[in-house]
Amino acid sequence: MEEDYQDYPDYSDYPMPADDYEERPKRRRRRKKRRGWGCLGVVFYLVAVFAISVGLSIVAIFSANDVFALVKDNTEHSFVVEGETLLGDLSEQLESSGIINYSPLFKLFVHFTGDNTTIHTGTYTLSSSFDYQQIVRVLQRRETSTVEIEVSIPEGYTNAQIKERLVEMGVSSEADIDEYLSTYNYKHDFLQDRIPASAGWLEGYLFPDTYKFNANNAKMTLNKMLNNFKSKYDQPIQEGAAALGRSQHEIVTIASLLEREAKVDDEFARIAGVIYNRLSNPDFPRLEIDATLIYALGEHKEVLSEADKEVDSPYNTYKNEGLPPGPICNPGYTALYAATHPEEHNYYYYVAMPDGTHLFANSYEEHQQNIQKTREAAASAAKQPSAEE
């Protein structure tokens, strides 16, 4: 019997269940510890990924801004190419001139677009607001760097008249000017609330002045006029607009009315006072300004008929209340200043005399008397012999 008993397996080397219970908590604690470090590692990993993503995003934003000129200053630079060279080799010079920010990026752009052509010696006018493609196009046009045309744009010219003058002077073709007048989204801050571009959207913002334009570059031509407007819309004008509670577009619109109505400098502010008096008085809901009606008709008339005053147009201030939807011409500095510093008085009417000056009135009866005076003055002037006679 003893021998049979010894044949059974010896279980003494196996741990007892109690021992197993004692070990289990320890195992759980070790497992929890490993899990804690794993979570912390995941956090560190996510933070690292986020930091790298943010860094890459910032690099991408700044790079895209340089390539596509999303938000850049509108500063013009004279860029001199001293000897014929490949376009890509000018990248560092473009960066040092402040036209671009990243020369290696420009080199890559030129390489991948296949535009690494030879650029000829000359002086080129470039703007820091140009995107890479515009820079390439200007530098590849030899004629734009060598031909300058002086053009005078009078105050009160409409965009149509400016286009006609530019074509006449050989600055650019009519098709190119039409494209950049109507469809190109300029990046000037004062135009951003009016984007996207549409026909007539630049009316009032092409500042009248004497310019020297490079030939065959309509965009640069119009851009120079817009830059001039930005500089002329200075602090006194901005402060005057703020004091009147008027937006820049409203000020330019009022200034355009003054430019077409006033003929002598000391009457700009007085006529501005009439306009503001009417705008603020519900008894005079309509401005009834002839210049807006002429703009609506699209042709100049010395005398407007009653039928003309019924024309269906938002620019007809004989039928529509308040200001027209936008400027009717491009005003100069005198008009812009007067629009923001109107003369204070009680006049609500004015009528033009034959010599270009105006008679002002604060009542309709007085206005009718002034109209009679202008007729008499015109009749008297017609009887006077001319200088040639």
Protein backbone atom coordinates (compact mmCIF):
# COMPACT_ATOMS: atom_id res chain seq x y z
CA MET A 1 0.00 0.00 0.00
CA GLU A 2 2.80 2.40 0.78
CA GLU A 3 4.37 1.80 -2.59
CA ASP A 4 1.05 2.51 -4.34
CA TYR A 5 0.77 5.80 -2.51
CA GLN A 6 4.19 6.93 -3.57
CA ASP A 7 3.26 6.37 -7.20
CA TYR A 8 0.90 9.37 -7.10
CA PRO A 9 2.32 12.70 -8.43
CA ASP A 10 3.92 15.03 -5.94
CA TYR A 11 2.05 18.36 -5.95
CA SER A 12 4.20 20.04 -3.38
CA ASP A 13 6.09 22.06 -5.97
CA TYR A 14 2.89 23.72 -7.29
CA PRO A 15 1.74 26.99 -5.61
CA MET A 16 -1.33 26.77 -3.46
CA PRO A 17 -4.40 28.82 -4.37
CA ALA A 18 -3.73 31.09 -1.43
CA ASP A 19 -0.32 31.89 -2.76
CA ASP A 20 -1.89 32.67 -6.11
CA TYR A 21 -4.27 35.16 -4.47
CA GLU A 22 -1.32 36.87 -2.81
CA GLU A 23 0.47 37.30 -6.15
CA ARG A 24 -2.48 38.65 -8.13
CA PRO A 25 -2.61 42.15 -6.59
CA LYS A 26 1.07 42.60 -7.26
CA ARG A 27 0.59 41.63 -10.87
CA ARG A 28 -2.30 44.05 -11.21
CA ARG A 29 -0.24 46.87 -9.76
CA ARG A 30 2.60 46.23 -12.17
CA ARG A 31 0.16 46.13 -15.08
CA LYS A 32 -1.42 49.45 -14.08
CA LYS A 33 1.99 51.07 -13.88
CA ARG A 34 2.85 50.03 -17.38
CA ARG A 35 -0.52 51.32 -18.61
CA GLY A 36 0.08 54.77 -17.00
CA TRP A 37 3.37 55.29 -18.80
CA GLY A 38 1.71 54.24 -22.03
CA CYS A 39 -0.94 56.99 -21.76
CA LEU A 40 1.70 59.59 -21.00
CA GLY A 41 3.62 58.49 -24.06
CA VAL A 42 0.54 58.88 -26.20
CA VAL A 43 0.06 62.41 -24.86
CA PHE A 44 3.67 63.31 -25.66
CA TYR A 45 3.23 61.83 -29.12
CA LEU A 46 0.07 63.80 -29.82
CA VAL A 47 1.65 67.04 -28.57
CA ALA A 48 4.64 66.46 -30.83
CA VAL A 49 2.42 65.74 -33.82
CA PHE A 50 0.35 68.85 -33.10
CA ALA A 51 3.45 71.05 -32.75
CA ILE A 52 4.87 69.73 -36.01
CA SER A 53 1.50 70.25 -37.76
CA VAL A 54 1.26 73.84 -36.51
CA GLY A 55 4.81 74.53 -37.62
CA LEU A 56 4.19 73.09 -41.05
CA SER A 57 0.93 75.04 -41.34
CA ILE A 58 2.68 78.30 -40.52
CA VAL A 59 5.37 77.57 -43.10
CA ALA A 60 2.68 76.71 -45.67
CA ILE A 61 0.73 79.92 -44.95
CA PHE A 62 3.76 82.17 -45.29
CA SER A 63 4.91 80.34 -48.40
CA ALA A 64 1.47 80.56 -50.02
CA ASN A 65 1.28 84.28 -49.18
CA ASP A 66 4.59 84.86 -50.95
CA VAL A 67 3.68 82.79 -54.03
CA PHE A 68 0.11 84.04 -54.48
CA ALA A 69 0.46 87.51 -52.83
CA LEU A 70 -2.58 86.95 -50.62
CA VAL A 71 -1.77 89.72 -48.11
CA LYS A 72 1.19 91.88 -49.11
CA ASP A 73 2.04 95.58 -49.22
CA ASN A 74 1.52 97.58 -52.42
CA THR A 75 4.99 99.10 -52.62
CA GLU A 76 6.60 99.67 -55.99
CA HIS A 77 10.29 98.93 -56.55
CA SER A 78 12.63 99.76 -59.41
CA PHE A 79 14.36 96.48 -60.17
CA VAL A 80 17.58 96.71 -62.18
CA VAL A 81 18.90 93.82 -64.26
CA GLU A 82 22.51 94.74 -65.04
CA GLY A 83 23.27 91.91 -67.43
CA GLU A 84 21.32 89.29 -69.31
CA THR A 85 20.69 86.42 -66.91
CA LEU A 86 18.36 83.55 -66.23
CA LEU A 87 15.20 84.39 -64.32
CA GLY A 88 15.91 81.88 -61.55
CA ASP A 89 19.28 83.49 -60.86
CA LEU A 90 17.53 86.75 -59.95
CA SER A 91 15.71 85.24 -56.97
CA GLU A 92 18.13 86.50 -54.31
CA GLN A 93 18.11 89.97 -55.85
CA LEU A 94 14.32 89.96 -55.80
CA GLU A 95 14.37 88.99 -52.12
CA SER A 96 16.91 91.65 -51.13
CA SER A 97 14.83 94.25 -52.99
CA GLY A 98 11.77 93.37 -50.87
CA ILE A 99 9.73 92.11 -53.81
CA ILE A 100 9.62 88.52 -52.58
CA ASN A 101 10.37 86.93 -49.19
CA TYR A 102 11.75 83.51 -50.05
CA SER A 103 14.25 83.23 -52.92
CA PRO A 104 14.51 79.39 -52.78
CA LEU A 105 10.74 79.17 -53.16
CA PHE A 106 10.86 81.48 -56.18
CA LYS A 107 13.58 79.29 -57.74
CA LEU A 108 11.39 76.22 -57.29
CA PHE A 109 8.42 78.04 -58.82
CA VAL A 110 10.45 79.06 -61.88
CA HIS A 111 11.84 75.52 -62.22
CA PHE A 112 8.48 73.76 -62.09
CA THR A 113 6.68 76.28 -64.33
CA GLY A 114 9.43 76.12 -66.96
CA ASP A 115 9.79 79.92 -67.05
CA ASN A 116 13.55 80.07 -66.48
CA THR A 117 14.15 82.22 -69.54
CA THR A 118 16.78 84.87 -70.17
CA ILE A 119 15.93 88.31 -68.77
CA HIS A 120 17.37 91.29 -70.61
CA THR A 121 19.28 94.20 -69.15
CA GLY A 122 17.06 97.07 -68.03
CA THR A 123 15.07 98.70 -65.24
CA TYR A 124 11.78 97.06 -64.35
CA THR A 125 9.02 98.39 -62.11
CA LEU A 126 7.75 95.67 -59.78
CA SER A 127 5.39 95.76 -56.82
CA SER A 128 5.66 93.74 -53.63
CA SER A 129 1.94 93.01 -54.12
CA PHE A 130 2.69 90.96 -57.26
CA ASP A 131 2.36 87.20 -57.10
CA TYR A 132 5.14 85.07 -58.58
CA GLN A 133 3.43 84.68 -61.95
CA GLN A 134 3.02 88.45 -62.33
CA ILE A 135 6.69 89.00 -61.49
CA VAL A 136 7.68 86.47 -64.13
CA ARG A 137 5.47 88.09 -66.77
CA VAL A 138 6.80 91.60 -66.14
CA LEU A 139 10.43 90.49 -66.24
CA GLN A 140 9.84 88.57 -69.46
CA ARG A 141 8.42 91.63 -71.22
CA ARG A 142 11.41 93.61 -72.39
CA GLU A 143 9.32 96.45 -73.76
CA THR A 144 7.77 97.27 -70.38
CA SER A 145 11.15 98.21 -68.97
CA THR A 146 12.26 100.52 -71.77
CA VAL A 147 9.16 102.46 -72.83
CA GLU A 148 7.58 105.09 -70.56
CA ILE A 149 4.62 107.21 -71.61
CA GLU A 150 3.56 110.35 -69.74
CA VAL A 151 -0.20 110.70 -69.41
CA SER A 152 -2.28 113.37 -67.66
CA ILE A 153 -5.65 112.27 -66.27
CA PRO A 154 -7.88 115.29 -65.48
CA GLU A 155 -10.07 115.46 -62.38
CA GLY A 156 -13.59 114.30 -63.05
CA TYR A 157 -12.74 111.78 -65.76
CA THR A 158 -14.83 108.63 -65.71
CA ASN A 159 -13.21 105.21 -66.07
CA ALA A 160 -14.46 105.11 -69.66
CA GLN A 161 -12.69 108.40 -70.40
CA ILE A 162 -9.51 107.18 -68.68
CA LYS A 163 -9.54 104.00 -70.78
CA GLU A 164 -9.97 106.06 -73.93
CA ARG A 165 -7.03 108.28 -72.95
CA LEU A 166 -4.75 105.34 -72.15
CA VAL A 167 -5.53 103.62 -75.46
CA GLU A 168 -5.08 106.87 -77.36
CA MET A 169 -1.66 107.43 -75.77
CA GLY A 170 -0.54 103.90 -76.57
CA VAL A 171 -0.21 102.77 -72.96
CA SER A 172 -2.15 99.55 -73.46
CA SER A 173 -4.75 97.88 -75.61
CA GLU A 174 -8.44 98.36 -74.94
CA ALA A 175 -8.90 94.63 -74.32
CA ASP A 176 -6.18 94.53 -71.63
CA ILE A 177 -7.55 97.63 -69.88
CA ASP A 178 -11.08 96.21 -69.94
CA GLU A 179 -9.82 93.00 -68.33
CA TYR A 180 -8.07 94.73 -65.44
CA LEU A 181 -10.82 97.32 -65.00
CA SER A 182 -13.59 94.79 -64.62
CA THR A 183 -12.37 91.34 -63.64
CA TYR A 184 -9.13 91.58 -61.68
CA ASN A 185 -9.45 91.46 -57.87
CA TYR A 186 -6.95 94.06 -56.69
CA LYS A 187 -5.57 93.48 -53.20
CA HIS A 188 -5.84 97.07 -51.90
CA ASP A 189 -7.44 97.15 -48.48
CA PHE A 190 -9.95 99.85 -49.46
CA LEU A 191 -11.38 97.57 -52.17
CA GLN A 192 -11.72 94.35 -50.18
CA ASP A 193 -15.34 94.90 -49.12
CA ARG A 194 -16.30 95.31 -52.78
CA ILE A 195 -14.72 92.11 -54.13
CA PRO A 196 -15.43 90.23 -56.36
CA ALA A 197 -14.62 92.58 -59.18
CA SER A 198 -17.34 93.64 -61.59
CA ALA A 199 -17.87 96.19 -64.30
CA GLY A 200 -17.46 99.74 -62.97
CA TRP A 201 -16.22 98.73 -59.52
CA LEU A 202 -13.09 100.93 -59.77
CA GLU A 203 -15.05 104.08 -60.66
CA GLY A 204 -13.89 106.83 -58.31
CA TYR A 205 -10.63 105.14 -57.26
CA LEU A 206 -8.37 105.83 -60.25
CA PHE A 207 -6.81 109.01 -58.92
CA PRO A 208 -6.46 111.79 -61.52
CA ASP A 209 -2.86 112.96 -61.88
CA THR A 210 0.07 113.09 -64.30
CA TYR A 211 1.77 109.70 -64.56
CA LYS A 212 4.58 107.94 -66.34
CA PHE A 213 3.32 104.52 -67.34
CA ASN A 214 5.23 101.54 -68.72
CA ALA A 215 3.80 100.44 -72.03
CA ASN A 216 1.85 97.21 -72.46
CA ASN A 217 1.12 96.58 -68.81
CA ALA A 218 -2.48 97.50 -68.05
CA LYS A 219 -2.46 95.97 -64.57
CA MET A 220 0.57 97.98 -63.44
CA THR A 221 -0.93 101.13 -64.97
CA LEU A 222 -4.19 100.84 -63.03
CA ASN A 223 -2.37 99.63 -59.93
CA LYS A 224 -0.27 102.81 -59.92
CA MET A 225 -3.42 104.94 -60.01
CA LEU A 226 -4.96 102.95 -57.16
CA ASN A 227 -1.79 103.34 -55.09
CA ASN A 228 -1.96 107.08 -55.69
CA PHE A 229 -5.56 107.15 -54.45
CA LYS A 230 -4.51 105.34 -51.28
CA SER A 231 -1.81 107.92 -50.56
CA LYS A 232 -4.11 110.88 -51.31
CA TYR A 233 -6.88 109.57 -49.05
CA ASP A 234 -4.80 110.89 -46.17
CA GLN A 235 -5.31 111.43 -42.44
CA PRO A 236 -7.26 114.75 -42.66
CA ILE A 237 -9.70 113.13 -45.09
CA GLN A 238 -10.00 109.98 -42.99
CA GLU A 239 -10.62 112.01 -39.82
CA GLY A 240 -13.21 114.15 -41.60
CA ALA A 241 -15.03 111.05 -42.85
CA ALA A 242 -15.06 109.57 -39.35
CA ALA A 243 -16.44 112.79 -37.87
CA LEU A 244 -19.27 112.74 -40.42
CA GLY A 245 -19.95 109.04 -39.85
CA ARG A 246 -19.48 108.28 -43.53
CA SER A 247 -17.76 105.29 -45.12
CA GLN A 248 -14.94 105.73 -47.59
CA HIS A 249 -17.19 104.67 -50.47
CA GLU A 250 -19.78 107.28 -49.49
CA ILE A 251 -17.08 109.95 -49.29
CA VAL A 252 -15.72 109.06 -52.73
CA THR A 253 -19.26 109.10 -54.11
CA ILE A 254 -19.97 112.57 -52.67
CA ALA A 255 -16.57 113.82 -53.88
CA SER A 256 -17.41 112.62 -57.39
CA LEU A 257 -20.62 114.66 -57.32
CA LEU A 258 -18.66 117.73 -56.21
CA GLU A 259 -16.06 117.18 -58.94
CA ARG A 260 -18.76 117.31 -61.60
CA GLU A 261 -20.84 120.11 -60.06
CA ALA A 262 -18.26 122.62 -58.72
CA LYS A 263 -16.16 124.71 -61.09
CA VAL A 264 -14.27 127.01 -58.72
CA ASP A 265 -12.29 125.80 -55.71
CA ASP A 266 -14.02 127.91 -53.06
CA GLU A 267 -17.44 126.43 -53.94
CA PHE A 268 -16.56 122.75 -53.41
CA ALA A 269 -17.16 122.86 -49.66
CA ARG A 270 -20.31 125.00 -50.09
CA ILE A 271 -21.89 122.55 -52.51
CA ALA A 272 -20.86 119.74 -50.16
CA GLY A 273 -22.82 121.56 -47.45
CA VAL A 274 -25.92 121.54 -49.67
CA ILE A 275 -25.58 117.80 -50.24
CA TYR A 276 -25.21 117.03 -46.53
CA ASN A 277 -28.10 119.36 -45.66
CA ARG A 278 -30.36 117.42 -48.00
CA LEU A 279 -29.13 114.04 -46.82
CA SER A 280 -29.93 114.92 -43.21
CA ASN A 281 -33.31 116.58 -43.80
CA PRO A 282 -36.35 114.32 -44.51
CA ASP A 283 -38.02 117.25 -46.28
CA PHE A 284 -35.43 116.86 -49.06
CA PRO A 285 -35.25 113.10 -49.69
CA ARG A 286 -33.78 113.43 -53.19
CA LEU A 287 -30.55 115.20 -54.14
CA GLU A 288 -31.76 116.11 -57.68
CA ILE A 289 -28.22 116.54 -59.02
CA ASP A 290 -27.93 116.88 -62.79
CA ALA A 291 -24.50 115.25 -62.95
CA THR A 292 -25.86 111.93 -61.67
CA LEU A 293 -28.58 111.95 -64.30
CA ILE A 294 -26.05 112.68 -67.06
CA TYR A 295 -24.01 109.71 -65.82
CA ALA A 296 -27.13 107.56 -65.94
CA LEU A 297 -27.91 108.69 -69.50
CA GLY A 298 -24.36 107.97 -70.65
CA GLU A 299 -24.11 111.21 -72.64
CA HIS A 300 -23.54 114.87 -71.86
CA LYS A 301 -26.47 117.27 -72.19
CA GLU A 302 -26.49 121.00 -71.58
CA VAL A 303 -30.22 120.96 -70.81
CA LEU A 304 -32.06 118.04 -69.25
CA SER A 305 -35.66 117.39 -70.24
CA GLU A 306 -38.48 116.19 -68.03
CA ALA A 307 -38.31 112.87 -69.88
CA ASP A 308 -34.63 112.56 -68.96
CA LYS A 309 -35.54 112.97 -65.30
CA GLU A 310 -37.76 109.90 -65.53
CA VAL A 311 -35.01 107.54 -66.72
CA ASP A 312 -34.95 104.28 -64.80
CA SER A 313 -31.50 104.16 -63.23
CA PRO A 314 -30.18 103.92 -59.64
CA TYR A 315 -28.04 106.96 -60.53
CA ASN A 316 -31.09 109.10 -61.21
CA THR A 317 -31.21 111.25 -58.07
CA TYR A 318 -34.39 112.93 -59.32
CA LYS A 319 -36.26 109.66 -58.70
CA ASN A 320 -34.17 107.83 -56.08
CA GLU A 321 -33.57 108.98 -52.53
CA GLY A 322 -30.15 109.50 -50.98
CA LEU A 323 -26.80 108.95 -52.62
CA PRO A 324 -26.34 107.06 -55.87
CA PRO A 325 -24.86 103.56 -55.51
CA GLY A 326 -21.34 104.72 -56.29
CA PRO A 327 -19.09 107.45 -57.73
CA ILE A 328 -19.90 108.98 -61.09
CA CYS A 329 -16.29 109.97 -61.88
CA ASN A 330 -12.81 110.00 -60.37
CA PRO A 331 -12.46 112.97 -58.00
CA GLY A 332 -9.28 114.87 -57.15
CA TYR A 333 -7.96 115.89 -53.76
CA THR A 334 -9.95 119.18 -53.54
CA ALA A 335 -13.21 117.30 -53.96
CA LEU A 336 -12.22 114.56 -51.48
CA TYR A 337 -11.26 117.15 -48.88
CA ALA A 338 -14.47 119.14 -49.39
CA ALA A 339 -16.54 115.96 -49.09
CA THR A 340 -15.08 115.43 -45.62
CA HIS A 341 -15.06 119.11 -44.59
CA PRO A 342 -18.36 120.59 -45.85
CA GLU A 343 -19.24 124.21 -45.23
CA GLU A 344 -21.93 124.69 -42.59
CA HIS A 345 -24.88 126.79 -43.81
CA ASN A 346 -28.65 126.61 -44.43
CA TYR A 347 -28.61 126.28 -48.21
CA TYR A 348 -30.63 123.53 -49.90
CA TYR A 349 -30.47 124.71 -53.51
CA TYR A 350 -27.90 125.96 -55.99
CA VAL A 351 -27.96 126.84 -59.66
CA ALA A 352 -25.08 127.43 -62.06
CA MET A 353 -24.30 130.80 -63.59
CA PRO A 354 -22.87 131.09 -67.13
CA ASP A 355 -19.35 131.67 -65.75
CA GLY A 356 -19.42 128.40 -63.74
CA THR A 357 -20.10 129.92 -60.35
CA HIS A 358 -23.33 129.15 -58.47
CA LEU A 359 -26.13 131.00 -56.71
CA PHE A 360 -27.28 129.40 -53.45
CA ALA A 361 -30.67 129.51 -51.72
CA ASN A 362 -32.31 128.12 -48.58
CA SER A 363 -35.88 128.21 -49.91
CA TYR A 364 -37.58 127.15 -53.11
CA GLU A 365 -38.84 130.71 -53.73
CA GLU A 366 -35.34 132.12 -53.50
CA HIS A 367 -34.10 129.33 -55.74
CA GLN A 368 -36.62 130.28 -58.41
CA GLN A 369 -35.40 133.85 -58.24
CA ASN A 370 -31.83 132.62 -58.71
CA ILE A 371 -32.86 130.57 -61.72
CA GLN A 372 -34.31 133.72 -63.27
CA LYS A 373 -31.03 135.54 -62.59
CA THR A 374 -29.07 132.82 -64.39
CA ARG A 375 -31.36 133.08 -67.41
CA GLU A 376 -30.91 136.82 -67.57
CA ALA A 377 -27.13 136.44 -67.20
CA ALA A 378 -27.07 133.85 -69.99
CA ALA A 379 -29.16 136.09 -72.26
CA SER A 380 -26.87 139.02 -71.55
CA ALA A 381 -23.77 136.94 -72.25
CA ALA A 382 -25.26 135.80 -75.56
CA LYS A 383 -25.66 139.42 -76.69
CA GLN A 384 -22.02 140.27 -75.93
CA PRO A 385 -19.75 140.19 -79.02
CA SER A 386 -17.15 137.46 -78.93
CA ALA A 387 -13.43 138.22 -78.82
CA GLU A 388 -13.06 137.06 -82.44
CA GLU A 389 -15.67 139.57 -83.60
